[in-house]
Amino acid sequence: MTRGLAAAVLVAVLAGATGCGYHLAGHASAASFLPEDVRTIGVPLLENRTDQADIHQRITEALIDEIVRRARVEARATRRDVDAILEGRITSYRETPVTFTEGGRFSRVEVTITAEMRLVRASPETVLWSQSHFVFREQYDVPETPSERFDRELVAIDEIARGFARTVVTSLLEGF
């Protein structure tokens, strides 16, 4: 009897909540945080202030993919002929050993990337959103051979790029 009552209460609460305009974060109605006149967002290549090659390209590509997937606006890899520009810079890249073998060799590494991002209206140039300190981390196991280590590092960077893009787009859409 209590299960049936609990289920009925849950159904009533959910039915009431749907009528009040609640929605899941990241869905179409969340795009309303962007100004209505922003229909195209330019995403030029992020600035890379680190020694890690290609990291800015991987993150830029992930940002474009995530905007197209979630923001319901067009994303272009340019600054021209757009309503707003999402620009940013990768400010640091760090690898930190987190686990060691008995012999003292590190066996697990944490990659940390920090970045600054902002969305600027193209004309007149006004800042619509900014975040000066994004931090992203991913860990990977260190294999024996250097070539395998490079591959695992790239996988970790790609994971960070996808997480970075999800976080930035969520922040844009929800105004955080």
N, C-alpha and C. Protein backbone atom coordinates (compact mmCIF):
# COMPACT_ATOMS: atom_id res chain seq x y z
N MET A 1 0.82 -1.19 0.00
CA MET A 1 0.00 0.00 0.00
C MET A 1 0.86 1.25 0.00
N THR A 2 1.95 1.27 0.77
CA THR A 2 2.80 2.46 0.83
C THR A 2 3.52 2.69 -0.49
N ARG A 3 3.85 1.60 -1.21
CA ARG A 3 4.49 1.77 -2.52
C ARG A 3 3.56 2.47 -3.49
N GLY A 4 2.30 2.06 -3.50
CA GLY A 4 1.31 2.67 -4.38
C GLY A 4 1.10 4.13 -4.06
N LEU A 5 1.08 4.45 -2.77
CA LEU A 5 0.92 5.84 -2.34
C LEU A 5 2.14 6.68 -2.74
N ALA A 6 3.33 6.11 -2.56
CA ALA A 6 4.55 6.83 -2.93
C ALA A 6 4.59 7.08 -4.43
N ALA A 7 4.18 6.09 -5.22
CA ALA A 7 4.17 6.25 -6.68
C ALA A 7 3.16 7.32 -7.08
N ALA A 8 2.00 7.34 -6.44
CA ALA A 8 0.99 8.35 -6.76
C ALA A 8 1.47 9.76 -6.42
N VAL A 9 2.14 9.89 -5.28
CA VAL A 9 2.68 11.20 -4.89
C VAL A 9 3.74 11.64 -5.89
N LEU A 10 4.62 10.71 -6.29
CA LEU A 10 5.67 11.04 -7.26
C LEU A 10 5.06 11.50 -8.58
N VAL A 11 4.06 10.80 -9.07
CA VAL A 11 3.40 11.18 -10.32
C VAL A 11 2.76 12.56 -10.19
N ALA A 12 2.12 12.82 -9.07
CA ALA A 12 1.48 14.13 -8.86
C ALA A 12 2.51 15.25 -8.84
N VAL A 13 3.63 15.02 -8.16
CA VAL A 13 4.69 16.04 -8.09
C VAL A 13 5.27 16.29 -9.47
N LEU A 14 5.57 15.23 -10.22
CA LEU A 14 6.12 15.40 -11.56
C LEU A 14 5.13 16.09 -12.49
N ALA A 15 3.87 15.74 -12.40
CA ALA A 15 2.86 16.39 -13.24
C ALA A 15 2.76 17.87 -12.91
N GLY A 16 2.80 18.21 -11.64
CA GLY A 16 2.75 19.61 -11.24
C GLY A 16 3.98 20.37 -11.67
N ALA A 17 5.14 19.74 -11.58
CA ALA A 17 6.39 20.42 -11.94
C ALA A 17 6.45 20.71 -13.43
N THR A 18 5.93 19.81 -14.25
CA THR A 18 6.00 20.05 -15.69
C THR A 18 5.13 21.22 -16.10
N GLY A 19 4.08 21.49 -15.37
CA GLY A 19 3.22 22.63 -15.69
C GLY A 19 3.79 23.95 -15.22
N CYS A 20 4.86 23.94 -14.43
CA CYS A 20 5.42 25.17 -13.88
C CYS A 20 6.60 25.69 -14.68
N GLY A 21 6.89 25.09 -15.83
CA GLY A 21 7.97 25.59 -16.66
C GLY A 21 9.34 25.06 -16.30
N TYR A 22 9.43 24.04 -15.48
CA TYR A 22 10.73 23.45 -15.17
C TYR A 22 11.20 22.67 -16.38
N HIS A 23 12.52 22.61 -16.54
CA HIS A 23 13.09 21.86 -17.65
C HIS A 23 14.46 21.35 -17.24
N LEU A 24 14.92 20.36 -17.98
CA LEU A 24 16.24 19.82 -17.72
C LEU A 24 17.29 20.75 -18.29
N ALA A 25 18.37 20.93 -17.57
CA ALA A 25 19.46 21.79 -18.04
C ALA A 25 20.04 21.22 -19.32
N GLY A 26 20.41 22.13 -20.23
CA GLY A 26 21.07 21.71 -21.46
C GLY A 26 20.11 21.36 -22.59
N HIS A 27 18.82 21.45 -22.39
CA HIS A 27 17.87 21.16 -23.45
C HIS A 27 17.50 22.46 -24.16
N ALA A 28 16.68 22.34 -25.17
CA ALA A 28 16.40 23.47 -26.06
C ALA A 28 15.96 24.73 -25.34
N SER A 29 15.12 24.61 -24.35
CA SER A 29 14.63 25.82 -23.70
C SER A 29 15.71 26.54 -22.91
N ALA A 30 16.83 25.86 -22.61
CA ALA A 30 17.92 26.51 -21.90
C ALA A 30 18.64 27.53 -22.78
N ALA A 31 18.48 27.43 -24.09
CA ALA A 31 19.16 28.34 -24.99
C ALA A 31 18.64 29.77 -24.86
N SER A 32 17.60 29.97 -24.10
CA SER A 32 17.02 31.30 -23.96
C SER A 32 17.94 32.28 -23.25
N PHE A 33 18.99 31.81 -22.56
CA PHE A 33 19.92 32.74 -21.92
C PHE A 33 20.67 33.56 -22.97
N LEU A 34 20.97 32.97 -24.11
CA LEU A 34 21.61 33.74 -25.17
C LEU A 34 20.63 34.78 -25.69
N PRO A 35 21.12 35.99 -25.99
CA PRO A 35 20.22 37.00 -26.56
C PRO A 35 19.56 36.47 -27.83
N GLU A 36 18.32 36.84 -28.06
CA GLU A 36 17.56 36.34 -29.21
C GLU A 36 18.24 36.64 -30.54
N ASP A 37 18.94 37.76 -30.63
CA ASP A 37 19.56 38.14 -31.90
C ASP A 37 20.87 37.41 -32.16
N VAL A 38 21.33 36.58 -31.24
CA VAL A 38 22.56 35.80 -31.45
C VAL A 38 22.15 34.47 -32.10
N ARG A 39 22.34 34.42 -33.41
CA ARG A 39 21.99 33.21 -34.17
C ARG A 39 23.22 32.50 -34.71
N THR A 40 24.34 33.23 -34.77
CA THR A 40 25.59 32.63 -35.22
C THR A 40 26.69 33.01 -34.23
N ILE A 41 27.48 32.02 -33.87
CA ILE A 41 28.61 32.25 -32.96
C ILE A 41 29.89 31.86 -33.67
N GLY A 42 30.81 32.79 -33.73
CA GLY A 42 32.12 32.50 -34.27
C GLY A 42 33.00 31.92 -33.18
N VAL A 43 33.71 30.86 -33.51
CA VAL A 43 34.62 30.23 -32.55
C VAL A 43 35.99 30.14 -33.21
N PRO A 44 36.75 31.25 -33.18
CA PRO A 44 38.08 31.20 -33.76
C PRO A 44 39.00 30.32 -32.91
N LEU A 45 40.10 29.93 -33.48
CA LEU A 45 41.07 29.08 -32.78
C LEU A 45 41.47 29.74 -31.47
N LEU A 46 41.36 28.99 -30.38
CA LEU A 46 41.75 29.52 -29.08
C LEU A 46 43.23 29.85 -29.07
N GLU A 47 43.60 30.82 -28.27
CA GLU A 47 45.00 31.17 -28.09
C GLU A 47 45.64 30.12 -27.17
N ASN A 48 46.84 29.70 -27.51
CA ASN A 48 47.54 28.68 -26.72
C ASN A 48 48.76 29.31 -26.08
N ARG A 49 48.70 29.53 -24.77
CA ARG A 49 49.83 30.11 -24.04
C ARG A 49 50.65 29.02 -23.34
N THR A 50 50.55 27.80 -23.84
CA THR A 50 51.30 26.69 -23.25
C THR A 50 52.29 26.15 -24.28
N ASP A 51 53.11 25.22 -23.84
CA ASP A 51 54.05 24.55 -24.74
C ASP A 51 53.44 23.29 -25.35
N GLN A 52 52.22 22.98 -25.00
CA GLN A 52 51.56 21.76 -25.47
C GLN A 52 50.96 22.02 -26.85
N ALA A 53 51.55 21.41 -27.87
CA ALA A 53 51.10 21.63 -29.25
C ALA A 53 49.70 21.05 -29.46
N ASP A 54 48.93 21.71 -30.28
CA ASP A 54 47.62 21.26 -30.77
C ASP A 54 46.50 21.25 -29.74
N ILE A 55 46.78 21.53 -28.49
CA ILE A 55 45.72 21.47 -27.48
C ILE A 55 44.61 22.46 -27.79
N HIS A 56 44.98 23.65 -28.26
CA HIS A 56 43.98 24.67 -28.57
C HIS A 56 43.09 24.25 -29.75
N GLN A 57 43.67 23.51 -30.70
CA GLN A 57 42.88 23.03 -31.84
C GLN A 57 41.85 21.99 -31.39
N ARG A 58 42.27 21.07 -30.54
CA ARG A 58 41.36 20.03 -30.06
C ARG A 58 40.20 20.63 -29.26
N ILE A 59 40.51 21.61 -28.42
CA ILE A 59 39.46 22.22 -27.60
C ILE A 59 38.54 23.09 -28.46
N THR A 60 39.09 23.82 -29.43
CA THR A 60 38.27 24.63 -30.33
C THR A 60 37.28 23.75 -31.09
N GLU A 61 37.76 22.64 -31.63
CA GLU A 61 36.89 21.72 -32.37
C GLU A 61 35.78 21.17 -31.47
N ALA A 62 36.13 20.82 -30.24
CA ALA A 62 35.13 20.30 -29.30
C ALA A 62 34.08 21.38 -28.97
N LEU A 63 34.52 22.63 -28.84
CA LEU A 63 33.58 23.73 -28.58
C LEU A 63 32.58 23.89 -29.72
N ILE A 64 33.07 23.89 -30.94
CA ILE A 64 32.19 24.03 -32.10
C ILE A 64 31.18 22.89 -32.14
N ASP A 65 31.65 21.67 -31.94
CA ASP A 65 30.75 20.50 -31.95
C ASP A 65 29.67 20.63 -30.87
N GLU A 66 30.07 21.05 -29.68
CA GLU A 66 29.12 21.14 -28.56
C GLU A 66 28.11 22.27 -28.78
N ILE A 67 28.54 23.39 -29.33
CA ILE A 67 27.62 24.50 -29.61
C ILE A 67 26.58 24.05 -30.64
N VAL A 68 27.03 23.42 -31.70
CA VAL A 68 26.11 22.95 -32.73
C VAL A 68 25.13 21.94 -32.15
N ARG A 69 25.61 21.06 -31.29
CA ARG A 69 24.78 20.00 -30.72
C ARG A 69 23.75 20.54 -29.73
N ARG A 70 24.12 21.54 -28.94
CA ARG A 70 23.25 21.94 -27.82
C ARG A 70 22.67 23.34 -27.89
N ALA A 71 23.32 24.27 -28.53
CA ALA A 71 22.91 25.67 -28.40
C ALA A 71 21.86 26.11 -29.41
N ARG A 72 21.56 25.31 -30.40
CA ARG A 72 20.54 25.66 -31.38
C ARG A 72 20.88 26.95 -32.13
N VAL A 73 22.17 27.20 -32.26
CA VAL A 73 22.65 28.31 -33.08
C VAL A 73 23.71 27.75 -34.02
N GLU A 74 24.04 28.51 -35.03
CA GLU A 74 25.08 28.10 -35.96
C GLU A 74 26.44 28.49 -35.38
N ALA A 75 27.41 27.61 -35.49
CA ALA A 75 28.78 27.90 -35.04
C ALA A 75 29.70 27.86 -36.24
N ARG A 76 30.60 28.83 -36.30
CA ARG A 76 31.57 28.92 -37.40
C ARG A 76 32.96 29.13 -36.84
N ALA A 77 33.94 28.60 -37.51
CA ALA A 77 35.33 28.73 -37.07
C ALA A 77 35.93 30.02 -37.61
N THR A 78 35.27 31.15 -37.35
CA THR A 78 35.71 32.44 -37.86
C THR A 78 35.19 33.56 -36.96
N ARG A 79 35.71 34.75 -37.17
CA ARG A 79 35.23 35.95 -36.47
C ARG A 79 34.32 36.78 -37.37
N ARG A 80 34.26 36.45 -38.65
CA ARG A 80 33.52 37.28 -39.61
C ARG A 80 32.09 36.80 -39.80
N ASP A 81 31.21 37.75 -40.05
CA ASP A 81 29.80 37.48 -40.37
C ASP A 81 29.11 36.62 -39.31
N VAL A 82 29.33 36.97 -38.05
CA VAL A 82 28.68 36.27 -36.93
C VAL A 82 28.06 37.31 -36.00
N ASP A 83 27.15 36.86 -35.16
CA ASP A 83 26.51 37.76 -34.20
C ASP A 83 27.33 37.90 -32.92
N ALA A 84 28.03 36.83 -32.55
CA ALA A 84 28.85 36.86 -31.34
C ALA A 84 30.08 35.98 -31.56
N ILE A 85 31.09 36.24 -30.76
CA ILE A 85 32.36 35.51 -30.88
C ILE A 85 32.70 34.89 -29.53
N LEU A 86 32.94 33.58 -29.54
CA LEU A 86 33.41 32.88 -28.35
C LEU A 86 34.92 32.78 -28.47
N GLU A 87 35.61 33.52 -27.62
CA GLU A 87 37.07 33.54 -27.71
C GLU A 87 37.67 33.13 -26.37
N GLY A 88 38.91 32.67 -26.44
CA GLY A 88 39.53 32.27 -25.19
C GLY A 88 40.99 31.92 -25.37
N ARG A 89 41.57 31.57 -24.24
CA ARG A 89 42.98 31.19 -24.26
C ARG A 89 43.22 30.08 -23.26
N ILE A 90 44.08 29.17 -23.65
CA ILE A 90 44.53 28.11 -22.75
C ILE A 90 45.71 28.72 -22.00
N THR A 91 45.57 28.87 -20.70
CA THR A 91 46.59 29.58 -19.92
C THR A 91 47.63 28.67 -19.28
N SER A 92 47.29 27.40 -19.06
CA SER A 92 48.31 26.49 -18.53
C SER A 92 47.97 25.04 -18.86
N TYR A 93 49.03 24.26 -18.95
CA TYR A 93 48.94 22.81 -19.15
C TYR A 93 49.95 22.20 -18.20
N ARG A 94 49.48 21.27 -17.38
CA ARG A 94 50.39 20.69 -16.39
C ARG A 94 50.12 19.19 -16.28
N GLU A 95 51.20 18.42 -16.19
CA GLU A 95 51.11 16.98 -15.92
C GLU A 95 51.70 16.75 -14.54
N THR A 96 50.94 16.07 -13.68
CA THR A 96 51.39 15.81 -12.32
C THR A 96 51.29 14.32 -12.03
N PRO A 97 52.41 13.69 -11.67
CA PRO A 97 52.34 12.27 -11.28
C PRO A 97 51.48 12.14 -10.02
N VAL A 98 50.56 11.17 -10.02
CA VAL A 98 49.70 10.97 -8.85
C VAL A 98 49.87 9.59 -8.21
N THR A 99 50.43 8.64 -8.94
CA THR A 99 50.67 7.30 -8.41
C THR A 99 52.05 6.84 -8.86
N PHE A 100 52.75 6.17 -7.94
CA PHE A 100 54.10 5.70 -8.23
C PHE A 100 54.20 4.19 -8.00
N THR A 101 55.12 3.55 -8.72
CA THR A 101 55.40 2.13 -8.50
C THR A 101 56.33 2.00 -7.31
N GLU A 102 56.56 0.76 -6.87
CA GLU A 102 57.50 0.53 -5.76
C GLU A 102 58.90 1.00 -6.13
N GLY A 103 59.23 0.95 -7.41
CA GLY A 103 60.54 1.39 -7.87
C GLY A 103 60.67 2.90 -8.01
N GLY A 104 59.61 3.63 -7.73
CA GLY A 104 59.68 5.09 -7.79
C GLY A 104 59.27 5.69 -9.13
N ARG A 105 58.93 4.85 -10.11
CA ARG A 105 58.48 5.35 -11.41
C ARG A 105 57.00 5.71 -11.31
N PHE A 106 56.60 6.85 -11.91
CA PHE A 106 55.18 7.20 -11.83
C PHE A 106 54.38 6.31 -12.77
N SER A 107 53.22 5.90 -12.29
CA SER A 107 52.38 4.98 -13.05
C SER A 107 51.03 5.59 -13.44
N ARG A 108 50.72 6.74 -12.88
CA ARG A 108 49.48 7.45 -13.21
C ARG A 108 49.76 8.95 -13.17
N VAL A 109 49.24 9.66 -14.17
CA VAL A 109 49.48 11.10 -14.32
C VAL A 109 48.15 11.82 -14.40
N GLU A 110 48.09 13.00 -13.80
CA GLU A 110 46.92 13.86 -13.94
C GLU A 110 47.29 15.04 -14.82
N VAL A 111 46.51 15.25 -15.88
CA VAL A 111 46.68 16.39 -16.77
C VAL A 111 45.71 17.47 -16.30
N THR A 112 46.22 18.69 -16.11
CA THR A 112 45.39 19.82 -15.70
C THR A 112 45.54 20.94 -16.73
N ILE A 113 44.42 21.42 -17.20
CA ILE A 113 44.39 22.52 -18.17
C ILE A 113 43.56 23.65 -17.57
N THR A 114 44.08 24.88 -17.63
CA THR A 114 43.31 26.04 -17.21
C THR A 114 43.10 26.96 -18.41
N ALA A 115 41.98 27.67 -18.39
CA ALA A 115 41.63 28.51 -19.54
C ALA A 115 40.77 29.69 -19.11
N GLU A 116 40.74 30.68 -19.99
CA GLU A 116 39.86 31.85 -19.87
C GLU A 116 38.97 31.87 -21.11
N MET A 117 37.69 32.20 -20.93
CA MET A 117 36.77 32.25 -22.05
C MET A 117 35.85 33.45 -21.92
N ARG A 118 35.38 33.96 -23.08
CA ARG A 118 34.36 35.00 -23.06
C ARG A 118 33.59 34.99 -24.37
N LEU A 119 32.33 35.39 -24.26
CA LEU A 119 31.46 35.54 -25.42
C LEU A 119 31.24 37.03 -25.61
N VAL A 120 31.57 37.53 -26.80
CA VAL A 120 31.50 38.95 -27.10
C VAL A 120 30.55 39.17 -28.26
N ARG A 121 29.64 40.13 -28.10
CA ARG A 121 28.78 40.52 -29.23
C ARG A 121 29.69 41.11 -30.30
N ALA A 122 29.46 40.74 -31.55
CA ALA A 122 30.33 41.18 -32.63
C ALA A 122 30.26 42.69 -32.86
N SER A 123 29.04 43.24 -32.84
CA SER A 123 28.91 44.67 -33.07
C SER A 123 27.64 45.18 -32.40
N PRO A 124 27.73 46.16 -31.54
CA PRO A 124 28.95 46.73 -30.98
C PRO A 124 29.60 45.73 -30.03
N GLU A 125 30.90 45.80 -29.93
CA GLU A 125 31.63 44.82 -29.14
C GLU A 125 31.34 45.00 -27.65
N THR A 126 30.55 44.10 -27.12
CA THR A 126 30.24 44.09 -25.69
C THR A 126 30.35 42.66 -25.18
N VAL A 127 30.82 42.52 -23.97
CA VAL A 127 30.97 41.19 -23.37
C VAL A 127 29.61 40.71 -22.89
N LEU A 128 29.19 39.55 -23.39
CA LEU A 128 27.91 38.95 -22.99
C LEU A 128 28.10 37.97 -21.84
N TRP A 129 29.27 37.35 -21.78
CA TRP A 129 29.56 36.34 -20.76
C TRP A 129 31.07 36.16 -20.69
N SER A 130 31.58 35.92 -19.50
CA SER A 130 33.02 35.63 -19.38
C SER A 130 33.26 34.76 -18.15
N GLN A 131 34.32 34.01 -18.23
CA GLN A 131 34.78 33.17 -17.12
C GLN A 131 36.31 33.16 -17.19
N SER A 132 36.94 33.65 -16.15
CA SER A 132 38.39 33.84 -16.21
C SER A 132 39.20 32.66 -15.67
N HIS A 133 38.54 31.64 -15.14
CA HIS A 133 39.34 30.56 -14.56
C HIS A 133 38.63 29.20 -14.64
N PHE A 134 38.67 28.60 -15.82
CA PHE A 134 38.20 27.23 -15.98
C PHE A 134 39.36 26.30 -15.67
N VAL A 135 39.11 25.23 -14.94
CA VAL A 135 40.13 24.22 -14.64
C VAL A 135 39.55 22.86 -15.00
N PHE A 136 40.30 22.09 -15.79
CA PHE A 136 39.87 20.76 -16.21
C PHE A 136 40.98 19.76 -15.93
N ARG A 137 40.57 18.57 -15.45
CA ARG A 137 41.55 17.54 -15.10
C ARG A 137 41.12 16.19 -15.67
N GLU A 138 42.12 15.39 -16.01
CA GLU A 138 41.89 14.02 -16.44
C GLU A 138 43.14 13.22 -16.08
N GLN A 139 42.94 11.98 -15.63
CA GLN A 139 44.07 11.12 -15.29
C GLN A 139 44.20 9.99 -16.29
N TYR A 140 45.43 9.50 -16.44
CA TYR A 140 45.65 8.33 -17.29
C TYR A 140 46.79 7.50 -16.72
N ASP A 141 46.73 6.19 -17.00
CA ASP A 141 47.80 5.29 -16.58
C ASP A 141 48.96 5.42 -17.54
N VAL A 142 50.17 5.41 -17.00
CA VAL A 142 51.38 5.58 -17.81
C VAL A 142 51.86 4.20 -18.25
N PRO A 143 51.86 3.92 -19.55
CA PRO A 143 52.36 2.63 -20.04
C PRO A 143 53.89 2.60 -20.06
N GLU A 144 54.42 1.44 -20.37
CA GLU A 144 55.88 1.26 -20.38
C GLU A 144 56.55 1.99 -21.54
N THR A 145 55.94 1.97 -22.73
CA THR A 145 56.61 2.54 -23.90
C THR A 145 56.22 4.00 -24.11
N PRO A 146 57.19 4.82 -24.55
CA PRO A 146 56.91 6.25 -24.78
C PRO A 146 55.80 6.51 -25.81
N SER A 147 55.75 5.69 -26.87
CA SER A 147 54.71 5.93 -27.89
C SER A 147 53.32 5.68 -27.33
N GLU A 148 53.19 4.65 -26.49
CA GLU A 148 51.89 4.40 -25.86
C GLU A 148 51.54 5.52 -24.88
N ARG A 149 52.54 6.06 -24.21
CA ARG A 149 52.28 7.17 -23.28
C ARG A 149 51.73 8.37 -24.03
N PHE A 150 52.32 8.66 -25.18
CA PHE A 150 51.85 9.77 -26.00
C PHE A 150 50.39 9.56 -26.40
N ASP A 151 50.05 8.32 -26.82
CA ASP A 151 48.67 8.02 -27.20
C ASP A 151 47.71 8.21 -26.03
N ARG A 152 48.09 7.74 -24.87
CA ARG A 152 47.22 7.87 -23.69
C ARG A 152 47.07 9.34 -23.28
N GLU A 153 48.14 10.10 -23.44
CA GLU A 153 48.07 11.53 -23.13
C GLU A 153 47.08 12.22 -24.07
N LEU A 154 47.12 11.87 -25.35
CA LEU A 154 46.18 12.45 -26.31
C LEU A 154 44.73 12.08 -25.99
N VAL A 155 44.51 10.85 -25.55
CA VAL A 155 43.17 10.44 -25.15
C VAL A 155 42.70 11.28 -23.96
N ALA A 156 43.60 11.50 -23.00
CA ALA A 156 43.25 12.34 -21.84
C ALA A 156 42.94 13.77 -22.27
N ILE A 157 43.73 14.31 -23.20
CA ILE A 157 43.49 15.67 -23.69
C ILE A 157 42.14 15.74 -24.41
N ASP A 158 41.82 14.72 -25.20
CA ASP A 158 40.52 14.70 -25.88
C ASP A 158 39.36 14.64 -24.88
N GLU A 159 39.52 13.88 -23.81
CA GLU A 159 38.49 13.83 -22.76
C GLU A 159 38.33 15.20 -22.11
N ILE A 160 39.46 15.86 -21.84
CA ILE A 160 39.40 17.20 -21.27
C ILE A 160 38.71 18.15 -22.24
N ALA A 161 39.03 18.05 -23.53
CA ALA A 161 38.42 18.94 -24.53
C ALA A 161 36.91 18.78 -24.55
N ARG A 162 36.42 17.54 -24.50
CA ARG A 162 34.97 17.31 -24.50
C ARG A 162 34.33 17.85 -23.22
N GLY A 163 34.97 17.59 -22.08
CA GLY A 163 34.45 18.11 -20.81
C GLY A 163 34.48 19.63 -20.77
N PHE A 164 35.56 20.20 -21.28
CA PHE A 164 35.71 21.65 -21.37
C PHE A 164 34.54 22.22 -22.18
N ALA A 165 34.31 21.65 -23.36
CA ALA A 165 33.24 22.14 -24.24
C ALA A 165 31.87 22.03 -23.56
N ARG A 166 31.60 20.89 -22.93
CA ARG A 166 30.31 20.72 -22.23
C ARG A 166 30.14 21.79 -21.15
N THR A 167 31.19 22.03 -20.38
CA THR A 167 31.12 22.99 -19.28
C THR A 167 30.93 24.42 -19.80
N VAL A 168 31.70 24.79 -20.81
CA VAL A 168 31.59 26.14 -21.37
C VAL A 168 30.19 26.37 -21.95
N VAL A 169 29.71 25.43 -22.74
CA VAL A 169 28.39 25.61 -23.37
C VAL A 169 27.29 25.62 -22.31
N THR A 170 27.40 24.78 -21.30
CA THR A 170 26.42 24.82 -20.20
C THR A 170 26.45 26.18 -19.52
N SER A 171 27.64 26.71 -19.28
CA SER A 171 27.76 28.03 -18.65
C SER A 171 27.14 29.11 -19.53
N LEU A 172 27.36 29.02 -20.83
CA LEU A 172 26.76 29.99 -21.76
C LEU A 172 25.24 29.91 -21.75
N LEU A 173 24.72 28.71 -21.80
CA LEU A 173 23.28 28.52 -21.92
C LEU A 173 22.53 28.82 -20.63
N GLU A 174 23.18 28.55 -19.51
CA GLU A 174 22.50 28.71 -18.23
C GLU A 174 22.93 29.96 -17.46
N GLY A 175 23.89 30.69 -18.02
CA GLY A 175 24.28 31.97 -17.44
C GLY A 175 25.13 31.90 -16.19
N PHE A 176 25.88 30.83 -16.02
CA PHE A 176 26.74 30.71 -14.83
C PHE A 176 28.09 31.32 -15.08
